[in-house]
N, C-alpha and C. Protein backbone atom coordinates (compact mmCIF):
# COMPACT_ATOMS: atom_id res chain seq x y z
N UNK A 1 -18.39 -0.81 -5.98
CA UNK A 1 -16.98 -0.78 -5.63
C UNK A 1 -16.79 -1.05 -4.14
N UNK A 2 -17.67 -0.49 -3.31
CA UNK A 2 -17.53 -0.69 -1.87
C UNK A 2 -17.66 -2.16 -1.48
N UNK A 3 -18.51 -2.88 -2.19
CA UNK A 3 -18.66 -4.31 -1.91
C UNK A 3 -17.34 -5.05 -2.16
N UNK A 4 -16.64 -4.67 -3.23
CA UNK A 4 -15.35 -5.30 -3.53
C UNK A 4 -14.30 -4.92 -2.47
N UNK A 5 -14.28 -3.65 -2.07
CA UNK A 5 -13.33 -3.21 -1.04
C UNK A 5 -13.59 -3.98 0.25
N UNK A 6 -14.85 -4.12 0.62
CA UNK A 6 -15.22 -4.84 1.84
C UNK A 6 -14.80 -6.31 1.75
N UNK A 7 -15.09 -6.96 0.62
CA UNK A 7 -14.77 -8.38 0.46
C UNK A 7 -13.27 -8.63 0.52
N UNK A 8 -12.51 -7.81 -0.19
CA UNK A 8 -11.05 -7.97 -0.20
C UNK A 8 -10.48 -7.74 1.20
N UNK A 9 -10.95 -6.68 1.85
CA UNK A 9 -10.44 -6.36 3.19
C UNK A 9 -10.73 -7.48 4.17
N UNK A 10 -11.96 -7.93 4.21
CA UNK A 10 -12.32 -8.98 5.18
C UNK A 10 -11.63 -10.31 4.87
N UNK A 11 -11.52 -10.66 3.61
CA UNK A 11 -10.83 -11.91 3.24
C UNK A 11 -9.36 -11.85 3.62
N UNK A 12 -8.72 -10.73 3.35
CA UNK A 12 -7.30 -10.59 3.67
C UNK A 12 -7.08 -10.67 5.18
N UNK A 13 -7.90 -9.97 5.95
CA UNK A 13 -7.77 -9.99 7.41
C UNK A 13 -7.99 -11.42 7.93
N UNK A 14 -8.98 -12.10 7.39
CA UNK A 14 -9.26 -13.48 7.79
C UNK A 14 -8.05 -14.37 7.55
N UNK A 15 -7.31 -14.09 6.48
CA UNK A 15 -6.13 -14.89 6.13
C UNK A 15 -4.84 -14.35 6.74
N UNK A 16 -4.96 -13.46 7.71
CA UNK A 16 -3.81 -12.99 8.45
C UNK A 16 -3.00 -11.90 7.79
N UNK A 17 -3.55 -11.23 6.82
CA UNK A 17 -2.84 -10.17 6.12
C UNK A 17 -3.29 -8.80 6.61
N UNK A 18 -2.42 -7.82 6.46
CA UNK A 18 -2.79 -6.44 6.73
C UNK A 18 -3.27 -5.81 5.43
N UNK A 19 -4.23 -4.92 5.56
CA UNK A 19 -4.79 -4.25 4.38
C UNK A 19 -4.61 -2.76 4.55
N UNK A 20 -4.19 -2.11 3.47
CA UNK A 20 -4.04 -0.66 3.48
C UNK A 20 -4.92 -0.07 2.38
N UNK A 21 -5.68 0.94 2.74
CA UNK A 21 -6.47 1.67 1.76
C UNK A 21 -5.71 2.92 1.36
N UNK A 22 -5.71 3.20 0.08
CA UNK A 22 -5.06 4.41 -0.42
C UNK A 22 -6.18 5.32 -0.94
N UNK A 23 -6.43 6.38 -0.20
CA UNK A 23 -7.50 7.31 -0.56
C UNK A 23 -7.10 8.15 -1.76
N UNK A 24 -8.08 8.43 -2.61
CA UNK A 24 -7.94 9.30 -3.78
C UNK A 24 -6.92 8.79 -4.81
N UNK A 25 -6.77 7.48 -4.92
CA UNK A 25 -5.94 6.90 -5.97
C UNK A 25 -4.50 7.37 -5.95
N UNK A 26 -3.98 7.73 -7.13
CA UNK A 26 -2.58 8.16 -7.22
C UNK A 26 -2.32 9.41 -6.38
N UNK A 27 -3.32 10.28 -6.27
CA UNK A 27 -3.14 11.48 -5.46
C UNK A 27 -2.85 11.08 -4.01
N UNK A 28 -3.52 10.05 -3.53
CA UNK A 28 -3.27 9.56 -2.17
C UNK A 28 -1.88 8.99 -1.99
N UNK A 29 -1.33 8.41 -3.06
CA UNK A 29 0.04 7.93 -2.99
C UNK A 29 1.01 9.10 -2.86
N UNK A 30 0.74 10.16 -3.60
CA UNK A 30 1.62 11.32 -3.58
C UNK A 30 1.50 12.08 -2.26
N UNK A 31 0.26 12.21 -1.75
CA UNK A 31 0.03 13.00 -0.53
C UNK A 31 0.02 12.14 0.73
N UNK A 32 0.37 10.87 0.60
CA UNK A 32 0.50 9.94 1.73
C UNK A 32 -0.82 9.74 2.48
N UNK A 33 -1.88 9.50 1.73
CA UNK A 33 -3.18 9.20 2.32
C UNK A 33 -3.38 7.69 2.36
N UNK A 34 -2.51 7.03 3.10
CA UNK A 34 -2.51 5.58 3.19
C UNK A 34 -2.90 5.21 4.62
N UNK A 35 -3.92 4.37 4.76
CA UNK A 35 -4.41 4.02 6.08
C UNK A 35 -4.60 2.50 6.18
N UNK A 36 -4.17 1.94 7.30
CA UNK A 36 -4.42 0.53 7.52
C UNK A 36 -5.91 0.32 7.72
N UNK A 37 -6.46 -0.67 7.05
CA UNK A 37 -7.88 -0.97 7.18
C UNK A 37 -8.10 -2.13 8.14
N UNK A 38 -9.07 -1.97 8.99
CA UNK A 38 -9.56 -3.02 9.88
C UNK A 38 -10.98 -3.33 9.43
N UNK A 39 -11.58 -4.34 10.03
CA UNK A 39 -12.96 -4.68 9.69
C UNK A 39 -13.90 -3.50 9.88
N UNK A 40 -13.64 -2.69 10.91
CA UNK A 40 -14.49 -1.54 11.19
C UNK A 40 -14.51 -0.53 10.03
N UNK A 41 -13.40 -0.44 9.31
CA UNK A 41 -13.33 0.51 8.20
C UNK A 41 -14.29 0.17 7.07
N UNK A 42 -14.66 -1.11 6.98
CA UNK A 42 -15.50 -1.53 5.86
C UNK A 42 -16.88 -2.00 6.31
N UNK A 43 -17.22 -1.75 7.57
CA UNK A 43 -18.56 -2.10 8.05
C UNK A 43 -19.57 -1.11 7.50
N UNK A 44 -20.73 -1.63 7.12
CA UNK A 44 -21.86 -0.80 6.65
C UNK A 44 -21.51 0.08 5.45
N UNK A 45 -20.73 -0.45 4.52
CA UNK A 45 -20.40 0.37 3.34
C UNK A 45 -21.04 -0.16 2.06
N UNK A 46 -21.60 -1.36 2.11
CA UNK A 46 -22.14 -1.95 0.88
C UNK A 46 -23.25 -1.09 0.28
N UNK A 47 -24.11 -0.53 1.13
CA UNK A 47 -25.24 0.23 0.64
C UNK A 47 -24.87 1.64 0.16
N UNK A 48 -23.63 2.04 0.41
CA UNK A 48 -23.20 3.38 0.00
C UNK A 48 -22.80 3.37 -1.48
N UNK A 49 -23.08 4.44 -2.16
CA UNK A 49 -22.69 4.55 -3.56
C UNK A 49 -21.24 4.95 -3.70
N UNK A 50 -20.70 4.77 -4.89
CA UNK A 50 -19.32 5.18 -5.15
C UNK A 50 -18.32 4.32 -4.42
N UNK A 51 -17.30 4.94 -3.89
CA UNK A 51 -16.25 4.21 -3.18
C UNK A 51 -15.82 4.99 -1.95
N UNK A 52 -15.62 4.31 -0.84
CA UNK A 52 -15.16 4.98 0.38
C UNK A 52 -13.75 5.52 0.21
N UNK A 53 -13.02 4.98 -0.77
CA UNK A 53 -11.65 5.44 -1.00
C UNK A 53 -11.60 6.74 -1.79
N UNK A 54 -12.71 7.13 -2.39
CA UNK A 54 -12.83 8.36 -3.17
C UNK A 54 -11.93 8.31 -4.41
N UNK A 55 -12.10 9.26 -5.26
CA UNK A 55 -11.28 9.33 -6.47
C UNK A 55 -10.78 10.76 -6.64
N UNK A 56 -9.75 10.94 -7.42
CA UNK A 56 -9.23 12.29 -7.68
C UNK A 56 -8.31 12.26 -8.90
N UNK A 57 -8.24 13.36 -9.55
CA UNK A 57 -7.25 13.54 -10.61
C UNK A 57 -5.92 13.88 -9.94
N UNK A 58 -4.82 13.54 -10.60
CA UNK A 58 -3.53 13.79 -9.96
C UNK A 58 -2.49 14.19 -10.99
N UNK A 59 -2.36 15.48 -11.21
CA UNK A 59 -1.35 15.97 -12.15
C UNK A 59 0.05 15.68 -11.62
N UNK A 60 0.21 15.71 -10.29
CA UNK A 60 1.53 15.49 -9.70
C UNK A 60 2.10 14.13 -10.10
N UNK A 61 1.23 13.12 -10.23
CA UNK A 61 1.70 11.78 -10.55
C UNK A 61 2.22 11.68 -11.98
N UNK A 62 1.87 12.64 -12.81
CA UNK A 62 2.37 12.61 -14.19
C UNK A 62 3.79 13.17 -14.30
N UNK A 63 4.30 13.70 -13.18
CA UNK A 63 5.67 14.23 -13.18
C UNK A 63 6.62 13.25 -12.50
N UNK A 64 7.88 13.27 -12.87
CA UNK A 64 8.86 12.40 -12.20
C UNK A 64 8.91 12.66 -10.68
N UNK A 65 8.79 13.93 -10.29
CA UNK A 65 8.85 14.27 -8.86
C UNK A 65 7.66 13.68 -8.11
N UNK A 66 6.48 13.74 -8.72
CA UNK A 66 5.28 13.20 -8.09
C UNK A 66 5.36 11.69 -7.92
N UNK A 67 5.85 11.01 -8.95
CA UNK A 67 5.99 9.55 -8.86
C UNK A 67 7.06 9.18 -7.84
N UNK A 68 8.11 9.98 -7.76
CA UNK A 68 9.17 9.72 -6.77
C UNK A 68 8.60 9.89 -5.36
N UNK A 69 7.75 10.90 -5.16
CA UNK A 69 7.13 11.10 -3.84
C UNK A 69 6.23 9.93 -3.49
N UNK A 70 5.45 9.44 -4.45
CA UNK A 70 4.59 8.28 -4.21
C UNK A 70 5.44 7.06 -3.83
N UNK A 71 6.53 6.89 -4.54
CA UNK A 71 7.44 5.77 -4.25
C UNK A 71 7.98 5.88 -2.83
N UNK A 72 8.40 7.10 -2.44
CA UNK A 72 8.93 7.30 -1.09
C UNK A 72 7.88 7.01 -0.02
N UNK A 73 6.65 7.43 -0.27
CA UNK A 73 5.57 7.17 0.70
C UNK A 73 5.33 5.68 0.87
N UNK A 74 5.34 4.94 -0.24
CA UNK A 74 5.16 3.49 -0.15
C UNK A 74 6.34 2.85 0.57
N UNK A 75 7.53 3.33 0.29
CA UNK A 75 8.74 2.81 0.94
C UNK A 75 8.67 3.05 2.45
N UNK A 76 8.18 4.21 2.87
CA UNK A 76 8.04 4.52 4.28
C UNK A 76 7.05 3.60 4.97
N UNK A 77 5.97 3.26 4.27
CA UNK A 77 4.99 2.32 4.84
C UNK A 77 5.64 0.96 5.09
N UNK A 78 6.47 0.52 4.15
CA UNK A 78 7.16 -0.76 4.32
C UNK A 78 8.14 -0.69 5.48
N UNK A 79 8.83 0.44 5.62
CA UNK A 79 9.79 0.60 6.72
C UNK A 79 9.07 0.52 8.07
N UNK A 80 7.94 1.17 8.18
CA UNK A 80 7.15 1.12 9.41
C UNK A 80 6.75 -0.32 9.71
N UNK A 81 6.34 -1.03 8.67
CA UNK A 81 5.94 -2.43 8.80
C UNK A 81 7.12 -3.27 9.29
N UNK A 82 8.29 -3.05 8.71
CA UNK A 82 9.48 -3.81 9.12
C UNK A 82 9.84 -3.52 10.58
N UNK A 83 9.70 -2.28 11.02
CA UNK A 83 9.97 -1.95 12.42
C UNK A 83 9.04 -2.70 13.35
N UNK A 84 7.78 -2.82 12.97
CA UNK A 84 6.82 -3.56 13.78
C UNK A 84 7.19 -5.04 13.82
N UNK A 85 7.68 -5.58 12.72
CA UNK A 85 8.10 -6.98 12.69
C UNK A 85 9.28 -7.21 13.63
N UNK A 86 10.19 -6.27 13.68
CA UNK A 86 11.34 -6.38 14.58
C UNK A 86 10.90 -6.43 16.02
N UNK A 87 9.88 -5.67 16.39
CA UNK A 87 9.34 -5.71 17.74
C UNK A 87 8.76 -7.08 18.05
N UNK A 88 8.05 -7.66 17.10
CA UNK A 88 7.47 -8.99 17.31
C UNK A 88 8.56 -10.03 17.57
N UNK A 89 9.63 -9.97 16.82
CA UNK A 89 10.71 -10.94 16.98
C UNK A 89 11.29 -10.90 18.38
N UNK A 90 11.50 -9.71 18.90
CA UNK A 90 12.12 -9.60 20.21
C UNK A 90 11.14 -9.84 21.35
N UNK A 91 9.84 -9.82 21.07
CA UNK A 91 8.88 -9.92 22.16
C UNK A 91 8.35 -11.32 22.42
N UNK A 92 8.49 -12.25 21.47
CA UNK A 92 7.97 -13.60 21.73
C UNK A 92 8.60 -14.63 20.80
N UNK A 93 8.63 -15.87 21.28
CA UNK A 93 9.15 -16.96 20.45
C UNK A 93 8.18 -17.27 19.31
N UNK A 94 6.89 -17.25 19.63
CA UNK A 94 5.90 -17.52 18.60
C UNK A 94 5.97 -16.47 17.50
N UNK A 95 6.26 -15.24 17.91
CA UNK A 95 6.37 -14.16 16.95
C UNK A 95 7.49 -14.39 15.96
N UNK A 96 8.50 -15.15 16.37
CA UNK A 96 9.65 -15.40 15.51
C UNK A 96 9.27 -16.11 14.22
N UNK A 97 8.44 -17.15 14.30
CA UNK A 97 8.04 -17.86 13.09
C UNK A 97 7.12 -16.99 12.23
N UNK A 98 6.29 -16.20 12.89
CA UNK A 98 5.44 -15.27 12.17
C UNK A 98 6.29 -14.25 11.43
N UNK A 99 7.31 -13.76 12.09
CA UNK A 99 8.19 -12.76 11.49
C UNK A 99 8.91 -13.32 10.27
N UNK A 100 9.34 -14.57 10.34
CA UNK A 100 10.01 -15.19 9.19
C UNK A 100 9.11 -15.16 7.97
N UNK A 101 7.86 -15.54 8.18
CA UNK A 101 6.90 -15.54 7.08
C UNK A 101 6.64 -14.11 6.58
N UNK A 102 6.49 -13.19 7.50
CA UNK A 102 6.22 -11.82 7.12
C UNK A 102 7.42 -11.18 6.43
N UNK A 103 8.63 -11.55 6.84
CA UNK A 103 9.82 -11.02 6.17
C UNK A 103 9.86 -11.41 4.71
N UNK A 104 9.41 -12.62 4.41
CA UNK A 104 9.35 -13.05 3.01
C UNK A 104 8.40 -12.14 2.23
N UNK A 105 7.28 -11.82 2.85
CA UNK A 105 6.30 -10.95 2.19
C UNK A 105 6.86 -9.54 2.01
N UNK A 106 7.57 -9.06 3.00
CA UNK A 106 8.17 -7.72 2.90
C UNK A 106 9.19 -7.69 1.78
N UNK A 107 10.00 -8.73 1.65
CA UNK A 107 10.99 -8.78 0.57
C UNK A 107 10.31 -8.77 -0.79
N UNK A 108 9.17 -9.45 -0.91
CA UNK A 108 8.43 -9.42 -2.17
C UNK A 108 7.91 -8.02 -2.44
N UNK A 109 7.40 -7.35 -1.42
CA UNK A 109 6.94 -5.97 -1.59
C UNK A 109 8.08 -5.05 -2.03
N UNK A 110 9.26 -5.24 -1.44
CA UNK A 110 10.41 -4.43 -1.83
C UNK A 110 10.76 -4.66 -3.30
N UNK A 111 10.72 -5.92 -3.71
CA UNK A 111 11.01 -6.24 -5.11
C UNK A 111 9.97 -5.59 -6.02
N UNK A 112 8.71 -5.62 -5.60
CA UNK A 112 7.66 -4.99 -6.39
C UNK A 112 7.88 -3.48 -6.50
N UNK A 113 8.30 -2.87 -5.39
CA UNK A 113 8.57 -1.42 -5.42
C UNK A 113 9.74 -1.10 -6.34
N UNK A 114 10.76 -1.93 -6.33
CA UNK A 114 11.90 -1.71 -7.24
C UNK A 114 11.45 -1.82 -8.69
N UNK A 115 10.56 -2.77 -8.97
CA UNK A 115 10.03 -2.91 -10.33
C UNK A 115 9.25 -1.66 -10.72
N UNK A 116 8.44 -1.14 -9.80
CA UNK A 116 7.70 0.09 -10.06
C UNK A 116 8.65 1.24 -10.36
N UNK A 117 9.71 1.34 -9.58
CA UNK A 117 10.70 2.40 -9.79
C UNK A 117 11.34 2.28 -11.17
N UNK A 118 11.67 1.07 -11.58
CA UNK A 118 12.26 0.87 -12.91
C UNK A 118 11.28 1.26 -14.01
N UNK A 119 9.99 0.93 -13.81
CA UNK A 119 8.99 1.30 -14.80
C UNK A 119 8.85 2.81 -14.88
N UNK A 120 8.89 3.47 -13.73
CA UNK A 120 8.81 4.94 -13.71
C UNK A 120 9.98 5.53 -14.48
N UNK A 121 11.18 4.99 -14.29
CA UNK A 121 12.36 5.49 -15.00
C UNK A 121 12.21 5.31 -16.51
N UNK A 122 11.66 4.16 -16.94
CA UNK A 122 11.46 3.92 -18.37
C UNK A 122 10.46 4.91 -18.94
N UNK A 123 9.37 5.14 -18.21
CA UNK A 123 8.36 6.10 -18.66
C UNK A 123 8.95 7.50 -18.74
N UNK A 124 9.70 7.89 -17.70
CA UNK A 124 10.32 9.21 -17.71
C UNK A 124 11.26 9.36 -18.91
N UNK A 125 12.04 8.35 -19.19
CA UNK A 125 12.98 8.40 -20.31
C UNK A 125 12.24 8.51 -21.63
N UNK A 126 11.15 7.73 -21.76
CA UNK A 126 10.39 7.80 -23.03
C UNK A 126 9.72 9.16 -23.20
N UNK A 127 9.33 9.80 -22.09
CA UNK A 127 8.73 11.13 -22.17
C UNK A 127 9.79 12.17 -22.59
N UNK A 128 11.01 12.00 -22.09
CA UNK A 128 12.10 12.91 -22.47
C UNK A 128 12.46 12.76 -23.93
N UNK A 129 12.41 11.51 -24.44
CA UNK A 129 12.77 11.25 -25.82
C UNK A 129 11.76 11.82 -26.81
N UNK A 130 10.52 12.03 -26.34
CA UNK A 130 9.47 12.53 -27.26
C UNK A 130 9.63 13.94 -27.55
């Protein structure tokens, strides 16, 4: 697993993307264990067993409140990202074209989050109906 994490992280960084690791799976989404990954985060991990991201069970994610908290944490990460993009726009002309491209990506992430929220609502409704 660590080899895959390393490969994805390094490839994304090489292609100009930011990478975020979410520790402990869904539990990390609920407890906001989200960290930006740099190349240093994935150095010397191939020989390690398991996964540097760790795993955990998460009862909280099975509840509507837990999923809502995970959604809010992801939304906050996007907001932080958007604030950083705003700084780039005002600080340089070159940053302006970069920001345009990044804004498109942020809008896609927002759409993905809205889709996740709709899926959560459908799941919650089906659980209530049972």
